[in-house]
Amino acid sequence: MQLVAFRILLAYARCMKSKQVLKSVNLKATWLRQLMLDTIYELPGLFFANDLYKLLQSHKSKFNKSSFYRNLDQFCEKAILQKVVLAYDKIAYELVDSHHHHFSCNNCTTVLCILDQELESKVLRIQDGLRDSGVVVQDHIFALNGLCSECK
């Protein structure tokens, strides 16, 4: 039920203009942030920062590379985006929509989303067990790496 409500909220957020999304997380709606969000909302899923940077530059927009990366970090801090650690510690980004895990190919850039409710339930049970032992779990990362069907 909670996941369904979250997806409805995300669908609503995607319909909102980027300016409203930025306002809702107390970020000033600068032209660069709006351009970044508008572009990200059009992407099909995971993306690499450098690819987004090049795409934005193709719009003939002039902006500082450090401002671009600072905005990406702020989007993560405000839970608009999340960082995804892939094979060989490559970092990708995606919109925060639902908690899931990834498979990444060690040879190419293929990344597949793993949506498995049983896996999530098991992870939550493990976290509960650790909490009962006095441990505070702040996050977890579960990723599969290997060769995709094209690279095997």
N, C-alpha and C. Protein backbone atom coordinates (compact mmCIF):
# COMPACT_ATOMS: atom_id res chain seq x y z
N MET A 1 0.83 -1.20 0.00
CA MET A 1 0.00 0.00 0.00
C MET A 1 0.87 1.26 0.00
N GLN A 2 1.93 1.24 0.83
CA GLN A 2 2.80 2.40 0.93
C GLN A 2 3.51 2.66 -0.40
N LEU A 3 3.93 1.58 -1.09
CA LEU A 3 4.61 1.71 -2.37
C LEU A 3 3.67 2.29 -3.42
N VAL A 4 2.41 1.87 -3.40
CA VAL A 4 1.42 2.39 -4.35
C VAL A 4 1.23 3.89 -4.14
N ALA A 5 1.11 4.31 -2.88
CA ALA A 5 0.95 5.74 -2.58
C ALA A 5 2.17 6.52 -3.03
N PHE A 6 3.35 5.95 -2.84
CA PHE A 6 4.58 6.62 -3.24
C PHE A 6 4.63 6.77 -4.76
N ARG A 7 4.22 5.73 -5.49
CA ARG A 7 4.23 5.80 -6.95
C ARG A 7 3.23 6.83 -7.47
N ILE A 8 2.09 6.93 -6.81
CA ILE A 8 1.10 7.95 -7.18
C ILE A 8 1.68 9.34 -6.96
N LEU A 9 2.35 9.51 -5.82
CA LEU A 9 2.99 10.79 -5.52
C LEU A 9 4.06 11.11 -6.55
N LEU A 10 4.85 10.11 -6.95
CA LEU A 10 5.88 10.34 -7.95
C LEU A 10 5.26 10.72 -9.29
N ALA A 11 4.21 10.02 -9.68
CA ALA A 11 3.54 10.34 -10.94
C ALA A 11 3.05 11.78 -10.92
N TYR A 12 2.52 12.20 -9.79
CA TYR A 12 2.07 13.58 -9.64
C TYR A 12 3.26 14.53 -9.76
N ALA A 13 4.37 14.18 -9.10
CA ALA A 13 5.57 15.03 -9.13
C ALA A 13 6.10 15.18 -10.54
N ARG A 14 6.04 14.11 -11.32
CA ARG A 14 6.52 14.18 -12.70
C ARG A 14 5.64 15.08 -13.55
N CYS A 15 4.39 15.20 -13.18
CA CYS A 15 3.48 16.07 -13.92
C CYS A 15 3.68 17.54 -13.53
N MET A 16 4.19 17.75 -12.34
CA MET A 16 4.43 19.13 -11.89
C MET A 16 5.57 19.73 -12.70
N LYS A 17 5.55 21.00 -12.85
CA LYS A 17 6.67 21.65 -13.50
C LYS A 17 7.89 21.57 -12.57
N SER A 18 9.05 21.55 -13.18
CA SER A 18 10.28 21.44 -12.39
C SER A 18 10.38 22.56 -11.35
N LYS A 19 9.85 23.70 -11.69
CA LYS A 19 9.88 24.83 -10.75
C LYS A 19 9.13 24.49 -9.47
N GLN A 20 7.99 23.84 -9.60
CA GLN A 20 7.21 23.46 -8.43
C GLN A 20 7.91 22.37 -7.62
N VAL A 21 8.56 21.44 -8.31
CA VAL A 21 9.30 20.39 -7.60
C VAL A 21 10.42 21.02 -6.78
N LEU A 22 11.15 21.93 -7.38
CA LEU A 22 12.24 22.59 -6.67
C LEU A 22 11.72 23.37 -5.47
N LYS A 23 10.62 24.06 -5.66
CA LYS A 23 10.02 24.82 -4.56
C LYS A 23 9.60 23.89 -3.43
N SER A 24 9.06 22.72 -3.78
CA SER A 24 8.58 21.79 -2.76
C SER A 24 9.70 21.23 -1.89
N VAL A 25 10.94 21.28 -2.37
CA VAL A 25 12.08 20.80 -1.58
C VAL A 25 12.98 21.96 -1.14
N ASN A 26 12.44 23.16 -1.22
CA ASN A 26 13.14 24.37 -0.78
C ASN A 26 14.45 24.63 -1.51
N LEU A 27 14.43 24.41 -2.81
CA LEU A 27 15.57 24.79 -3.66
C LEU A 27 15.11 25.90 -4.59
N LYS A 28 15.96 26.89 -4.75
CA LYS A 28 15.66 27.98 -5.66
C LYS A 28 15.58 27.45 -7.09
N ALA A 29 14.61 27.89 -7.84
CA ALA A 29 14.39 27.40 -9.20
C ALA A 29 15.25 28.18 -10.18
N THR A 30 16.54 27.90 -10.19
CA THR A 30 17.44 28.55 -11.15
C THR A 30 17.21 27.94 -12.53
N TRP A 31 17.65 28.64 -13.55
CA TRP A 31 17.44 28.15 -14.91
C TRP A 31 18.17 26.82 -15.11
N LEU A 32 19.36 26.67 -14.51
CA LEU A 32 20.11 25.43 -14.69
C LEU A 32 19.40 24.26 -14.00
N ARG A 33 18.93 24.46 -12.79
CA ARG A 33 18.20 23.38 -12.09
C ARG A 33 16.95 22.98 -12.87
N GLN A 34 16.23 23.97 -13.39
CA GLN A 34 15.02 23.66 -14.16
C GLN A 34 15.37 22.90 -15.43
N LEU A 35 16.40 23.34 -16.12
CA LEU A 35 16.84 22.65 -17.34
C LEU A 35 17.26 21.22 -17.02
N MET A 36 18.01 21.06 -15.93
CA MET A 36 18.46 19.71 -15.54
C MET A 36 17.26 18.81 -15.25
N LEU A 37 16.33 19.29 -14.44
CA LEU A 37 15.17 18.47 -14.08
C LEU A 37 14.29 18.16 -15.29
N ASP A 38 14.04 19.17 -16.10
CA ASP A 38 13.22 18.94 -17.30
C ASP A 38 13.85 17.85 -18.17
N THR A 39 15.16 17.89 -18.31
CA THR A 39 15.88 16.90 -19.12
C THR A 39 15.85 15.53 -18.45
N ILE A 40 16.08 15.48 -17.15
CA ILE A 40 16.08 14.21 -16.41
C ILE A 40 14.72 13.54 -16.51
N TYR A 41 13.64 14.31 -16.39
CA TYR A 41 12.29 13.74 -16.46
C TYR A 41 12.02 13.09 -17.82
N GLU A 42 12.75 13.53 -18.85
CA GLU A 42 12.57 12.95 -20.18
C GLU A 42 13.42 11.71 -20.41
N LEU A 43 14.38 11.45 -19.55
CA LEU A 43 15.25 10.29 -19.72
C LEU A 43 14.52 9.01 -19.33
N PRO A 44 14.87 7.88 -19.95
CA PRO A 44 14.14 6.65 -19.70
C PRO A 44 14.44 5.98 -18.36
N GLY A 45 15.50 6.34 -17.68
CA GLY A 45 15.83 5.67 -16.42
C GLY A 45 17.17 6.13 -15.90
N LEU A 46 18.03 5.17 -15.59
CA LEU A 46 19.36 5.49 -15.09
C LEU A 46 20.14 6.33 -16.09
N PHE A 47 20.97 7.22 -15.56
CA PHE A 47 21.84 8.00 -16.44
C PHE A 47 23.15 8.28 -15.71
N PHE A 48 24.18 8.52 -16.49
CA PHE A 48 25.47 8.89 -15.95
C PHE A 48 25.60 10.40 -16.00
N ALA A 49 26.22 10.96 -14.99
CA ALA A 49 26.35 12.41 -14.89
C ALA A 49 26.98 13.00 -16.14
N ASN A 50 28.03 12.38 -16.64
CA ASN A 50 28.74 12.92 -17.80
C ASN A 50 27.84 12.93 -19.04
N ASP A 51 26.98 11.91 -19.17
CA ASP A 51 26.06 11.88 -20.31
C ASP A 51 25.04 13.01 -20.22
N LEU A 52 24.52 13.26 -19.02
CA LEU A 52 23.58 14.37 -18.83
C LEU A 52 24.27 15.70 -19.10
N TYR A 53 25.49 15.83 -18.61
CA TYR A 53 26.26 17.06 -18.82
C TYR A 53 26.42 17.36 -20.32
N LYS A 54 26.80 16.33 -21.08
CA LYS A 54 26.97 16.50 -22.53
C LYS A 54 25.64 16.83 -23.21
N LEU A 55 24.58 16.18 -22.77
CA LEU A 55 23.26 16.44 -23.34
C LEU A 55 22.84 17.89 -23.10
N LEU A 56 23.07 18.38 -21.89
CA LEU A 56 22.72 19.76 -21.58
C LEU A 56 23.57 20.74 -22.37
N GLN A 57 24.84 20.41 -22.57
CA GLN A 57 25.71 21.27 -23.37
C GLN A 57 25.24 21.33 -24.82
N SER A 58 24.62 20.25 -25.29
CA SER A 58 24.13 20.25 -26.67
C SER A 58 22.97 21.22 -26.86
N HIS A 59 22.36 21.68 -25.76
CA HIS A 59 21.31 22.69 -25.83
C HIS A 59 21.90 24.08 -26.03
N LYS A 60 23.21 24.14 -26.19
CA LYS A 60 23.94 25.40 -26.35
C LYS A 60 23.84 26.29 -25.11
N SER A 61 23.62 25.66 -23.97
CA SER A 61 23.56 26.40 -22.71
C SER A 61 24.96 26.51 -22.12
N LYS A 62 25.26 27.67 -21.60
CA LYS A 62 26.57 27.87 -20.97
C LYS A 62 26.38 27.82 -19.46
N PHE A 63 27.11 26.90 -18.82
CA PHE A 63 27.05 26.77 -17.37
C PHE A 63 28.34 26.14 -16.88
N ASN A 64 28.60 26.34 -15.63
CA ASN A 64 29.82 25.85 -15.00
C ASN A 64 29.66 24.39 -14.63
N LYS A 65 30.69 23.59 -14.90
CA LYS A 65 30.64 22.15 -14.60
C LYS A 65 30.47 21.90 -13.10
N SER A 66 31.11 22.73 -12.28
CA SER A 66 30.98 22.54 -10.83
C SER A 66 29.55 22.84 -10.37
N SER A 67 28.89 23.79 -10.99
CA SER A 67 27.48 24.07 -10.66
C SER A 67 26.60 22.89 -11.03
N PHE A 68 26.88 22.28 -12.15
CA PHE A 68 26.14 21.10 -12.59
C PHE A 68 26.25 19.99 -11.54
N TYR A 69 27.46 19.67 -11.14
CA TYR A 69 27.66 18.59 -10.16
C TYR A 69 27.12 18.96 -8.78
N ARG A 70 27.23 20.20 -8.41
CA ARG A 70 26.66 20.65 -7.13
C ARG A 70 25.14 20.47 -7.14
N ASN A 71 24.50 20.79 -8.26
CA ASN A 71 23.05 20.60 -8.38
C ASN A 71 22.68 19.12 -8.31
N LEU A 72 23.46 18.26 -8.95
CA LEU A 72 23.19 16.82 -8.85
C LEU A 72 23.24 16.36 -7.39
N ASP A 73 24.25 16.82 -6.67
CA ASP A 73 24.36 16.47 -5.24
C ASP A 73 23.17 16.98 -4.45
N GLN A 74 22.74 18.19 -4.74
CA GLN A 74 21.58 18.75 -4.03
C GLN A 74 20.30 17.98 -4.36
N PHE A 75 20.15 17.55 -5.60
CA PHE A 75 18.99 16.75 -5.96
C PHE A 75 18.98 15.43 -5.18
N CYS A 76 20.16 14.88 -4.94
CA CYS A 76 20.24 13.65 -4.14
C CYS A 76 19.93 13.94 -2.67
N GLU A 77 20.47 15.02 -2.15
CA GLU A 77 20.21 15.38 -0.75
C GLU A 77 18.72 15.62 -0.50
N LYS A 78 18.02 16.15 -1.50
CA LYS A 78 16.60 16.47 -1.37
C LYS A 78 15.71 15.32 -1.83
N ALA A 79 16.31 14.16 -2.12
CA ALA A 79 15.59 12.94 -2.52
C ALA A 79 14.79 13.09 -3.81
N ILE A 80 15.30 13.91 -4.72
CA ILE A 80 14.75 13.96 -6.07
C ILE A 80 15.42 12.87 -6.90
N LEU A 81 16.73 12.74 -6.70
CA LEU A 81 17.53 11.72 -7.37
C LEU A 81 18.17 10.82 -6.32
N GLN A 82 18.59 9.65 -6.78
CA GLN A 82 19.41 8.80 -5.93
C GLN A 82 20.61 8.31 -6.73
N LYS A 83 21.72 8.17 -6.03
CA LYS A 83 22.92 7.62 -6.66
C LYS A 83 22.81 6.12 -6.65
N VAL A 84 23.28 5.51 -7.72
CA VAL A 84 23.29 4.06 -7.85
C VAL A 84 24.73 3.64 -8.11
N VAL A 85 25.27 2.80 -7.22
CA VAL A 85 26.64 2.31 -7.38
C VAL A 85 26.59 1.06 -8.23
N LEU A 86 27.31 1.08 -9.35
CA LEU A 86 27.32 -0.03 -10.29
C LEU A 86 28.67 -0.74 -10.25
N ALA A 87 28.87 -1.65 -11.17
CA ALA A 87 30.13 -2.39 -11.25
C ALA A 87 31.31 -1.43 -11.33
N TYR A 88 32.40 -1.84 -10.72
CA TYR A 88 33.63 -1.05 -10.71
C TYR A 88 33.43 0.34 -10.13
N ASP A 89 32.50 0.46 -9.19
CA ASP A 89 32.21 1.71 -8.49
C ASP A 89 31.80 2.85 -9.41
N LYS A 90 31.25 2.52 -10.57
CA LYS A 90 30.68 3.56 -11.43
C LYS A 90 29.42 4.07 -10.75
N ILE A 91 29.20 5.37 -10.84
CA ILE A 91 28.03 5.99 -10.23
C ILE A 91 27.06 6.42 -11.32
N ALA A 92 25.82 6.00 -11.18
CA ALA A 92 24.74 6.45 -12.05
C ALA A 92 23.71 7.15 -11.16
N TYR A 93 22.75 7.77 -11.78
CA TYR A 93 21.69 8.47 -11.06
C TYR A 93 20.35 8.03 -11.63
N GLU A 94 19.32 8.12 -10.79
CA GLU A 94 17.97 7.88 -11.25
C GLU A 94 17.02 8.65 -10.36
N LEU A 95 15.84 8.91 -10.91
CA LEU A 95 14.80 9.56 -10.11
C LEU A 95 14.40 8.63 -8.97
N VAL A 96 14.12 9.21 -7.83
CA VAL A 96 13.64 8.41 -6.70
C VAL A 96 12.19 8.05 -6.99
N ASP A 97 11.93 6.77 -7.17
CA ASP A 97 10.54 6.36 -7.38
C ASP A 97 10.17 5.22 -6.45
N SER A 98 10.91 4.16 -6.48
CA SER A 98 10.67 3.06 -5.56
C SER A 98 12.01 2.44 -5.24
N HIS A 99 12.09 1.79 -4.12
CA HIS A 99 13.36 1.17 -3.75
C HIS A 99 13.51 -0.12 -4.54
N HIS A 100 14.61 -0.23 -5.23
CA HIS A 100 14.91 -1.44 -5.98
C HIS A 100 16.42 -1.58 -6.12
N HIS A 101 16.85 -2.67 -6.69
CA HIS A 101 18.27 -2.96 -6.84
C HIS A 101 18.60 -3.09 -8.32
N HIS A 102 19.87 -3.34 -8.60
CA HIS A 102 20.30 -3.34 -10.00
C HIS A 102 21.27 -4.47 -10.32
N PHE A 103 21.25 -4.87 -11.57
CA PHE A 103 22.28 -5.73 -12.16
C PHE A 103 23.04 -4.83 -13.12
N SER A 104 24.36 -4.86 -13.05
CA SER A 104 25.14 -4.09 -14.02
C SER A 104 26.17 -4.98 -14.67
N CYS A 105 26.32 -4.80 -15.97
CA CYS A 105 27.27 -5.58 -16.75
C CYS A 105 28.67 -5.07 -16.48
N ASN A 106 29.59 -6.00 -16.27
CA ASN A 106 30.98 -5.64 -16.03
C ASN A 106 31.71 -5.22 -17.30
N ASN A 107 31.10 -5.47 -18.46
CA ASN A 107 31.77 -5.24 -19.72
C ASN A 107 31.23 -4.02 -20.47
N CYS A 108 29.95 -3.74 -20.33
CA CYS A 108 29.36 -2.60 -21.05
C CYS A 108 28.55 -1.76 -20.06
N THR A 109 27.70 -0.91 -20.54
CA THR A 109 26.95 -0.02 -19.65
C THR A 109 25.53 -0.52 -19.37
N THR A 110 25.23 -1.77 -19.70
CA THR A 110 23.89 -2.30 -19.46
C THR A 110 23.59 -2.37 -17.97
N VAL A 111 22.44 -1.85 -17.59
CA VAL A 111 21.97 -1.90 -16.21
C VAL A 111 20.51 -2.34 -16.24
N LEU A 112 20.19 -3.31 -15.41
CA LEU A 112 18.82 -3.80 -15.31
C LEU A 112 18.31 -3.57 -13.90
N CYS A 113 17.06 -3.16 -13.78
CA CYS A 113 16.44 -2.99 -12.47
C CYS A 113 15.93 -4.33 -11.97
N ILE A 114 16.13 -4.57 -10.69
CA ILE A 114 15.64 -5.78 -10.04
C ILE A 114 14.51 -5.37 -9.12
N LEU A 115 13.31 -5.74 -9.50
CA LEU A 115 12.13 -5.44 -8.69
C LEU A 115 11.65 -6.76 -8.11
N ASP A 116 12.02 -7.03 -6.86
CA ASP A 116 11.69 -8.31 -6.23
C ASP A 116 11.22 -8.06 -4.81
N GLN A 117 9.93 -8.19 -4.60
CA GLN A 117 9.34 -7.92 -3.30
C GLN A 117 9.82 -8.92 -2.25
N GLU A 118 10.06 -10.17 -2.65
CA GLU A 118 10.55 -11.17 -1.71
C GLU A 118 11.94 -10.78 -1.19
N LEU A 119 12.79 -10.29 -2.08
CA LEU A 119 14.12 -9.85 -1.68
C LEU A 119 14.01 -8.71 -0.69
N GLU A 120 13.16 -7.74 -0.98
CA GLU A 120 12.99 -6.60 -0.08
C GLU A 120 12.47 -7.05 1.28
N SER A 121 11.53 -7.99 1.28
CA SER A 121 10.99 -8.49 2.55
C SER A 121 12.09 -9.16 3.37
N LYS A 122 12.94 -9.93 2.72
CA LYS A 122 14.05 -10.61 3.41
C LYS A 122 15.03 -9.58 3.98
N VAL A 123 15.36 -8.57 3.20
CA VAL A 123 16.27 -7.53 3.67
C VAL A 123 15.68 -6.81 4.88
N LEU A 124 14.39 -6.52 4.84
CA LEU A 124 13.74 -5.86 5.98
C LEU A 124 13.75 -6.75 7.22
N ARG A 125 13.57 -8.06 7.03
CA ARG A 125 13.64 -8.98 8.18
C ARG A 125 15.05 -9.00 8.77
N ILE A 126 16.06 -8.98 7.91
CA ILE A 126 17.45 -8.94 8.39
C ILE A 126 17.70 -7.65 9.16
N GLN A 127 17.23 -6.53 8.61
CA GLN A 127 17.39 -5.24 9.29
C GLN A 127 16.70 -5.25 10.65
N ASP A 128 15.50 -5.82 10.72
CA ASP A 128 14.78 -5.90 11.99
C ASP A 128 15.56 -6.73 13.00
N GLY A 129 16.14 -7.84 12.54
CA GLY A 129 16.95 -8.68 13.43
C GLY A 129 18.17 -7.94 13.94
N LEU A 130 18.81 -7.18 13.08
CA LEU A 130 19.97 -6.40 13.50
C LEU A 130 19.56 -5.31 14.49
N ARG A 131 18.41 -4.68 14.22
CA ARG A 131 17.91 -3.64 15.12
C ARG A 131 17.66 -4.22 16.51
N ASP A 132 17.13 -5.44 16.56
CA ASP A 132 16.89 -6.11 17.84
C ASP A 132 18.20 -6.37 18.59
N SER A 133 19.31 -6.43 17.83
CA SER A 133 20.63 -6.64 18.43
C SER A 133 21.31 -5.32 18.79
N GLY A 134 20.62 -4.22 18.57
CA GLY A 134 21.17 -2.91 18.91
C GLY A 134 21.88 -2.21 17.78
N VAL A 135 21.82 -2.78 16.58
CA VAL A 135 22.48 -2.19 15.41
C VAL A 135 21.52 -1.22 14.73
N VAL A 136 22.05 -0.10 14.23
CA VAL A 136 21.24 0.85 13.48
C VAL A 136 21.64 0.75 12.01
N VAL A 137 20.77 0.18 11.21
CA VAL A 137 21.02 0.09 9.77
C VAL A 137 20.50 1.38 9.15
N GLN A 138 21.39 2.09 8.46
CA GLN A 138 21.00 3.36 7.85
C GLN A 138 20.65 3.22 6.38
N ASP A 139 21.19 2.21 5.74
CA ASP A 139 20.92 2.00 4.32
C ASP A 139 21.44 0.62 3.96
N HIS A 140 21.07 0.15 2.80
CA HIS A 140 21.65 -1.09 2.29
C HIS A 140 21.80 -0.98 0.78
N ILE A 141 22.79 -1.69 0.29
CA ILE A 141 23.04 -1.75 -1.15
C ILE A 141 23.14 -3.21 -1.52
N PHE A 142 22.34 -3.62 -2.47
CA PHE A 142 22.40 -4.97 -2.98
C PHE A 142 22.49 -4.84 -4.49
N ALA A 143 23.58 -5.29 -5.05
CA ALA A 143 23.77 -5.17 -6.49
C ALA A 143 24.35 -6.46 -7.04
N LEU A 144 23.90 -6.81 -8.21
CA LEU A 144 24.45 -7.97 -8.91
C LEU A 144 25.28 -7.46 -10.07
N ASN A 145 26.44 -8.04 -10.25
CA ASN A 145 27.33 -7.68 -11.35
C ASN A 145 27.65 -8.95 -12.13
N GLY A 146 27.85 -8.81 -13.41
CA GLY A 146 28.19 -9.96 -14.24
C GLY A 146 28.22 -9.54 -15.68
N LEU A 147 27.88 -10.46 -16.57
CA LEU A 147 27.86 -10.18 -17.99
C LEU A 147 26.43 -10.25 -18.50
N CYS A 148 26.03 -9.24 -19.24
CA CYS A 148 24.68 -9.22 -19.81
C CYS A 148 24.59 -10.23 -20.95
N SER A 149 23.42 -10.41 -21.49
CA SER A 149 23.21 -11.38 -22.56
C SER A 149 24.01 -11.06 -23.81
N GLU A 150 24.29 -9.79 -24.05
CA GLU A 150 25.07 -9.39 -25.23
C GLU A 150 26.57 -9.64 -25.05
N CYS A 151 27.04 -9.58 -23.81
CA CYS A 151 28.48 -9.68 -23.54
C CYS A 151 28.96 -11.07 -23.14
N LYS A 152 28.03 -11.96 -22.80
CA LYS A 152 28.48 -13.28 -22.31
C LYS A 152 29.10 -14.14 -23.37
